[in-house]
Amino acid sequence: MARTQSKCGARTKHGGCCQRLAMVGASRCNLHRGDWATYTIERERERERERERARTKVRRKRPKR
């Protein structure tokens, strides 16, 4: 059976590449994942969209002078 899941590839403390398998849908393993990982970026974008929706709902029109 061929391996379809990619390796992590993050740099280790000793300068080599991590040999662990990357998490499904991400480019890094669970030890090297961070805020920049693909799945985390998508989650953060969705949070930003929700914040923007909430902001536009709260905005009120300014009274004319």
C-alpha atoms as a PDB file:
ATOM      1  CA  MET A   1       0.000   0.000   0.000  1.00  0.00           C
ATOM      2  CA  ALA A   2       1.432   3.375  -1.004  1.00  0.00           C
ATOM      3  CA  ARG A   3       1.795   6.147   1.538  1.00  0.00           C
ATOM      4  CA  THR A   4      -0.420   9.094   0.597  1.00  0.00           C
ATOM      5  CA  GLN A   5       0.035  11.129   3.744  1.00  0.00           C
ATOM      6  CA  SER A   6       2.971  13.541   3.581  1.00  0.00           C
ATOM      7  CA  LYS A   7       5.704  13.908   6.152  1.00  0.00           C
ATOM      8  CA  CYS A   8       5.875  16.904   8.458  1.00  0.00           C
ATOM      9  CA  GLY A   9       9.131  18.372   7.190  1.00  0.00           C
ATOM     10  CA  ALA A  10       9.515  20.936  10.002  1.00  0.00           C
ATOM     11  CA  ARG A  11      13.063  21.645  11.134  1.00  0.00           C
ATOM     12  CA  THR A  12      14.077  20.003  14.386  1.00  0.00           C
ATOM     13  CA  LYS A  13      16.325  21.478  17.065  1.00  0.00           C
ATOM     14  CA  HIS A  14      19.261  19.596  15.550  1.00  0.00           C
ATOM     15  CA  GLY A  15      18.641  20.998  12.050  1.00  0.00           C
ATOM     16  CA  GLY A  16      17.177  17.905  10.410  1.00  0.00           C
ATOM     17  CA  CYS A  17      13.673  17.377   9.032  1.00  0.00           C
ATOM     18  CA  CYS A  18      10.932  15.899  11.189  1.00  0.00           C
ATOM     19  CA  GLN A  19      10.100  12.379  10.022  1.00  0.00           C
ATOM     20  CA  ARG A  20       6.635  12.166  11.560  1.00  0.00           C
ATOM     21  CA  LEU A  21       3.542  12.043   9.372  1.00  0.00           C
ATOM     22  CA  ALA A  22       1.704  15.317   8.887  1.00  0.00           C
ATOM     23  CA  MET A  23      -1.805  15.590  10.229  1.00  0.00           C
ATOM     24  CA  VAL A  24      -4.610  15.074   7.727  1.00  0.00           C
ATOM     25  CA  GLY A  25      -5.426  18.412   6.115  1.00  0.00           C
ATOM     26  CA  ALA A  26      -2.303  20.089   7.488  1.00  0.00           C
ATOM     27  CA  SER A  27       1.321  20.452   6.520  1.00  0.00           C
ATOM     28  CA  ARG A  28       2.792  19.619   9.937  1.00  0.00           C
ATOM     29  CA  CYS A  29       2.580  16.894  12.586  1.00  0.00           C
ATOM     30  CA  ASN A  30       0.844  17.422  15.916  1.00  0.00           C
ATOM     31  CA  LEU A  31       4.163  18.370  17.562  1.00  0.00           C
ATOM     32  CA  HIS A  32       5.000  21.110  15.066  1.00  0.00           C
ATOM     33  CA  ARG A  33       1.584  22.510  14.290  1.00  0.00           C
ATOM     34  CA  GLY A  34       1.119  26.137  15.189  1.00  0.00           C
ATOM     35  CA  ASP A  35      -1.045  29.147  14.501  1.00  0.00           C
ATOM     36  CA  TRP A  36       0.156  29.150  10.903  1.00  0.00           C
ATOM     37  CA  ALA A  37      -0.995  25.601  10.087  1.00  0.00           C
ATOM     38  CA  THR A  38      -3.543  25.249   7.269  1.00  0.00           C
ATOM     39  CA  TYR A  39      -6.447  24.090   9.402  1.00  0.00           C
ATOM     40  CA  THR A  40      -5.754  26.782  11.998  1.00  0.00           C
ATOM     41  CA  ILE A  41      -5.603  29.507   9.358  1.00  0.00           C
ATOM     42  CA  GLU A  42      -9.010  28.464   8.016  1.00  0.00           C
ATOM     43  CA  ARG A  43     -10.452  28.457  11.518  1.00  0.00           C
ATOM     44  CA  GLU A  44      -9.025  31.934  12.178  1.00  0.00           C
ATOM     45  CA  ARG A  45     -10.466  33.250   8.891  1.00  0.00           C
ATOM     46  CA  GLU A  46     -13.888  31.969   9.891  1.00  0.00           C
ATOM     47  CA  ARG A  47     -13.589  33.706  13.288  1.00  0.00           C
ATOM     48  CA  GLU A  48     -12.658  36.949  11.531  1.00  0.00           C
ATOM     49  CA  ARG A  49     -15.710  36.636   9.253  1.00  0.00           C
ATOM     50  CA  GLU A  50     -17.927  36.146  12.307  1.00  0.00           C
ATOM     51  CA  ARG A  51     -16.380  39.200  14.009  1.00  0.00           C
ATOM     52  CA  GLU A  52     -16.979  41.263  10.879  1.00  0.00           C
ATOM     53  CA  ARG A  53     -20.615  40.129  10.696  1.00  0.00           C
ATOM     54  CA  ALA A  54     -21.100  41.031  14.363  1.00  0.00           C
ATOM     55  CA  ARG A  55     -19.466  44.424  13.821  1.00  0.00           C
ATOM     56  CA  THR A  56     -21.726  45.307  10.912  1.00  0.00           C
ATOM     57  CA  LYS A  57     -24.829  44.329  12.883  1.00  0.00           C
ATOM     58  CA  VAL A  58     -23.867  46.592  15.796  1.00  0.00           C
ATOM     59  CA  ARG A  59     -23.063  49.663  13.708  1.00  0.00           C
ATOM     60  CA  ARG A  60     -25.645  52.397  13.877  1.00  0.00           C
ATOM     61  CA  LYS A  61     -26.228  55.236  11.529  1.00  0.00           C
ATOM     62  CA  ARG A  62     -25.022  58.584  12.812  1.00  0.00           C
ATOM     63  CA  PRO A  63     -27.703  61.225  13.196  1.00  0.00           C
ATOM     64  CA  LYS A  64     -27.530  64.060  10.678  1.00  0.00           C
ATOM     65  CA  ARG A  65     -26.604  67.465  12.014  1.00  0.00           C
END
